[in-house]
Amino acid sequence: MKPSTNRMLTRIKAVYMFINERGTVSTQELVDEFGITPRTIQRDLNVLSYNDLVRSPSRGKWTTTKKKVKLSS
């Protein structure tokens, strides 16, 4: 796996865990927490949403779904 792909997957996992721990977070909170651009965080959220791991109950807010996830390192 390319280092850039591994870095992206690690970041997406961290984003998911952050949302899971906090309950509901805004897109801006994620941008501030991870120090990445809004466009990058949106791409990460799109991956998580596509896989039914997060959902947006209202514009700009994100929460995890009830889908079971096995997190491994």
N, C-alpha and C. Protein backbone atom coordinates (compact mmCIF):
# COMPACT_ATOMS: atom_id res chain seq x y z
N MET A 1 0.85 -1.18 0.00
CA MET A 1 0.00 0.00 0.00
C MET A 1 0.90 1.24 0.00
N LYS A 2 0.53 2.24 -0.79
CA LYS A 2 1.30 3.48 -0.86
C LYS A 2 1.28 4.18 0.50
N PRO A 3 2.36 4.87 0.84
CA PRO A 3 2.37 5.63 2.10
C PRO A 3 1.24 6.66 2.17
N SER A 4 0.92 7.29 1.03
CA SER A 4 -0.15 8.29 1.02
C SER A 4 -1.52 7.65 1.30
N THR A 5 -1.73 6.44 0.78
CA THR A 5 -2.98 5.72 1.03
C THR A 5 -3.07 5.33 2.50
N ASN A 6 -1.98 4.85 3.05
CA ASN A 6 -1.95 4.47 4.46
C ASN A 6 -2.22 5.68 5.35
N ARG A 7 -1.64 6.82 5.00
CA ARG A 7 -1.84 8.05 5.77
C ARG A 7 -3.31 8.47 5.71
N MET A 8 -3.92 8.36 4.53
CA MET A 8 -5.33 8.73 4.36
C MET A 8 -6.22 7.82 5.21
N LEU A 9 -5.97 6.51 5.15
CA LEU A 9 -6.79 5.57 5.92
C LEU A 9 -6.64 5.80 7.42
N THR A 10 -5.43 6.10 7.85
CA THR A 10 -5.18 6.40 9.26
C THR A 10 -5.96 7.64 9.68
N ARG A 11 -5.96 8.67 8.82
CA ARG A 11 -6.68 9.90 9.12
C ARG A 11 -8.19 9.66 9.17
N ILE A 12 -8.71 8.90 8.21
CA ILE A 12 -10.14 8.61 8.19
C ILE A 12 -10.56 7.85 9.44
N LYS A 13 -9.74 6.91 9.86
CA LYS A 13 -10.02 6.17 11.09
C LYS A 13 -10.04 7.11 12.29
N ALA A 14 -9.08 8.04 12.34
CA ALA A 14 -9.02 9.01 13.43
C ALA A 14 -10.25 9.92 13.42
N VAL A 15 -10.69 10.33 12.25
CA VAL A 15 -11.89 11.17 12.12
C VAL A 15 -13.10 10.41 12.65
N TYR A 16 -13.24 9.15 12.25
CA TYR A 16 -14.36 8.33 12.72
C TYR A 16 -14.34 8.21 14.25
N MET A 17 -13.18 7.93 14.81
CA MET A 17 -13.07 7.76 16.26
C MET A 17 -13.37 9.07 16.99
N PHE A 18 -12.94 10.19 16.43
CA PHE A 18 -13.22 11.49 17.03
C PHE A 18 -14.73 11.75 17.06
N ILE A 19 -15.40 11.50 15.95
CA ILE A 19 -16.86 11.70 15.89
C ILE A 19 -17.55 10.75 16.86
N ASN A 20 -17.11 9.50 16.90
CA ASN A 20 -17.71 8.50 17.78
C ASN A 20 -17.58 8.90 19.25
N GLU A 21 -16.43 9.45 19.63
CA GLU A 21 -16.21 9.85 21.02
C GLU A 21 -17.03 11.09 21.39
N ARG A 22 -17.16 12.02 20.46
CA ARG A 22 -17.83 13.29 20.74
C ARG A 22 -19.34 13.24 20.56
N GLY A 23 -19.84 12.28 19.80
CA GLY A 23 -21.28 12.21 19.55
C GLY A 23 -21.64 12.90 18.25
N THR A 24 -21.77 14.21 18.30
CA THR A 24 -22.06 15.00 17.10
C THR A 24 -21.04 16.12 17.02
N VAL A 25 -20.45 16.28 15.85
CA VAL A 25 -19.46 17.34 15.66
C VAL A 25 -19.75 18.08 14.36
N SER A 26 -19.23 19.30 14.28
CA SER A 26 -19.40 20.07 13.05
C SER A 26 -18.20 19.83 12.13
N THR A 27 -18.40 20.11 10.87
CA THR A 27 -17.32 20.00 9.91
C THR A 27 -16.16 20.90 10.34
N GLN A 28 -16.48 22.10 10.83
CA GLN A 28 -15.43 23.04 11.24
C GLN A 28 -14.63 22.50 12.43
N GLU A 29 -15.28 21.83 13.36
CA GLU A 29 -14.57 21.22 14.49
C GLU A 29 -13.54 20.21 13.98
N LEU A 30 -13.93 19.43 12.97
CA LEU A 30 -13.01 18.44 12.39
C LEU A 30 -11.84 19.12 11.69
N VAL A 31 -12.11 20.18 10.96
CA VAL A 31 -11.06 20.95 10.29
C VAL A 31 -10.07 21.46 11.34
N ASP A 32 -10.59 22.03 12.42
CA ASP A 32 -9.73 22.58 13.47
C ASP A 32 -8.94 21.49 14.18
N GLU A 33 -9.59 20.37 14.49
CA GLU A 33 -8.94 19.27 15.21
C GLU A 33 -7.82 18.63 14.41
N PHE A 34 -8.06 18.41 13.13
CA PHE A 34 -7.09 17.66 12.32
C PHE A 34 -6.17 18.56 11.50
N GLY A 35 -6.43 19.86 11.49
CA GLY A 35 -5.56 20.79 10.79
C GLY A 35 -5.47 20.55 9.29
N ILE A 36 -6.59 20.18 8.69
CA ILE A 36 -6.63 19.93 7.25
C ILE A 36 -7.70 20.83 6.64
N THR A 37 -7.71 20.89 5.33
CA THR A 37 -8.65 21.79 4.65
C THR A 37 -10.08 21.25 4.73
N PRO A 38 -11.05 22.15 4.63
CA PRO A 38 -12.45 21.70 4.61
C PRO A 38 -12.72 20.70 3.48
N ARG A 39 -12.07 20.88 2.34
CA ARG A 39 -12.27 19.96 1.21
C ARG A 39 -11.76 18.56 1.55
N THR A 40 -10.62 18.48 2.21
CA THR A 40 -10.07 17.18 2.59
C THR A 40 -10.96 16.48 3.61
N ILE A 41 -11.43 17.23 4.60
CA ILE A 41 -12.30 16.60 5.61
C ILE A 41 -13.61 16.17 4.96
N GLN A 42 -14.09 16.92 3.97
CA GLN A 42 -15.32 16.53 3.28
C GLN A 42 -15.12 15.23 2.52
N ARG A 43 -13.96 15.07 1.89
CA ARG A 43 -13.67 13.80 1.19
C ARG A 43 -13.64 12.64 2.18
N ASP A 44 -13.03 12.86 3.34
CA ASP A 44 -12.98 11.81 4.36
C ASP A 44 -14.39 11.46 4.83
N LEU A 45 -15.20 12.48 5.06
CA LEU A 45 -16.58 12.25 5.50
C LEU A 45 -17.40 11.54 4.42
N ASN A 46 -17.12 11.84 3.16
CA ASN A 46 -17.80 11.15 2.06
C ASN A 46 -17.48 9.66 2.08
N VAL A 47 -16.22 9.31 2.34
CA VAL A 47 -15.83 7.90 2.43
C VAL A 47 -16.58 7.22 3.58
N LEU A 48 -16.59 7.88 4.73
CA LEU A 48 -17.27 7.31 5.90
C LEU A 48 -18.78 7.21 5.67
N SER A 49 -19.36 8.21 5.05
CA SER A 49 -20.79 8.20 4.76
C SER A 49 -21.14 7.12 3.74
N TYR A 50 -20.35 6.99 2.70
CA TYR A 50 -20.57 5.97 1.67
C TYR A 50 -20.59 4.57 2.29
N ASN A 51 -19.76 4.36 3.31
CA ASN A 51 -19.67 3.07 3.98
C ASN A 51 -20.63 2.97 5.16
N ASP A 52 -21.58 3.93 5.26
CA ASP A 52 -22.62 3.92 6.29
C ASP A 52 -22.06 3.95 7.70
N LEU A 53 -20.96 4.70 7.89
CA LEU A 53 -20.35 4.80 9.21
C LEU A 53 -20.69 6.12 9.90
N VAL A 54 -20.96 7.16 9.11
CA VAL A 54 -21.39 8.44 9.66
C VAL A 54 -22.58 8.94 8.86
N ARG A 55 -23.33 9.86 9.48
CA ARG A 55 -24.44 10.49 8.77
C ARG A 55 -24.50 11.95 9.22
N SER A 56 -25.18 12.73 8.43
CA SER A 56 -25.32 14.15 8.72
C SER A 56 -26.78 14.45 9.06
N PRO A 57 -27.10 14.55 10.37
CA PRO A 57 -28.48 14.82 10.76
C PRO A 57 -28.93 16.24 10.38
N SER A 58 -27.99 17.15 10.28
CA SER A 58 -28.29 18.50 9.81
C SER A 58 -27.05 19.04 9.11
N ARG A 59 -27.24 20.01 8.27
CA ARG A 59 -26.15 20.53 7.44
C ARG A 59 -24.93 20.92 8.29
N GLY A 60 -23.78 20.34 7.97
CA GLY A 60 -22.54 20.69 8.65
C GLY A 60 -22.31 19.96 9.96
N LYS A 61 -23.22 19.09 10.35
CA LYS A 61 -23.08 18.31 11.59
C LYS A 61 -22.95 16.83 11.23
N TRP A 62 -22.16 16.09 11.99
CA TRP A 62 -21.91 14.69 11.70
C TRP A 62 -21.99 13.85 12.96
N THR A 63 -22.53 12.65 12.82
CA THR A 63 -22.61 11.70 13.91
C THR A 63 -22.39 10.30 13.35
N THR A 64 -22.00 9.37 14.20
CA THR A 64 -21.78 8.00 13.73
C THR A 64 -23.10 7.26 13.65
N THR A 65 -23.13 6.24 12.83
CA THR A 65 -24.31 5.39 12.71
C THR A 65 -24.20 4.25 13.72
N LYS A 66 -25.18 3.40 13.73
CA LYS A 66 -25.16 2.25 14.65
C LYS A 66 -24.45 1.04 14.04
N LYS A 67 -23.92 1.20 12.85
CA LYS A 67 -23.23 0.10 12.19
C LYS A 67 -22.02 -0.34 13.03
N LYS A 68 -21.91 -1.65 13.22
CA LYS A 68 -20.81 -2.20 14.02
C LYS A 68 -19.49 -2.06 13.24
N VAL A 69 -18.45 -1.66 13.95
CA VAL A 69 -17.14 -1.46 13.33
C VAL A 69 -16.10 -2.16 14.18
N LYS A 70 -15.23 -2.90 13.51
CA LYS A 70 -14.10 -3.50 14.21
C LYS A 70 -12.88 -2.65 13.87
N LEU A 71 -12.37 -1.95 14.88
CA LEU A 71 -11.21 -1.10 14.66
C LEU A 71 -9.95 -1.87 14.99
N SER A 72 -9.07 -1.95 14.01
CA SER A 72 -7.78 -2.60 14.25
C SER A 72 -6.69 -1.62 13.87
N SER A 73 -5.51 -1.84 14.39
CA SER A 73 -4.41 -0.90 14.14
C SER A 73 -3.73 -1.14 12.82
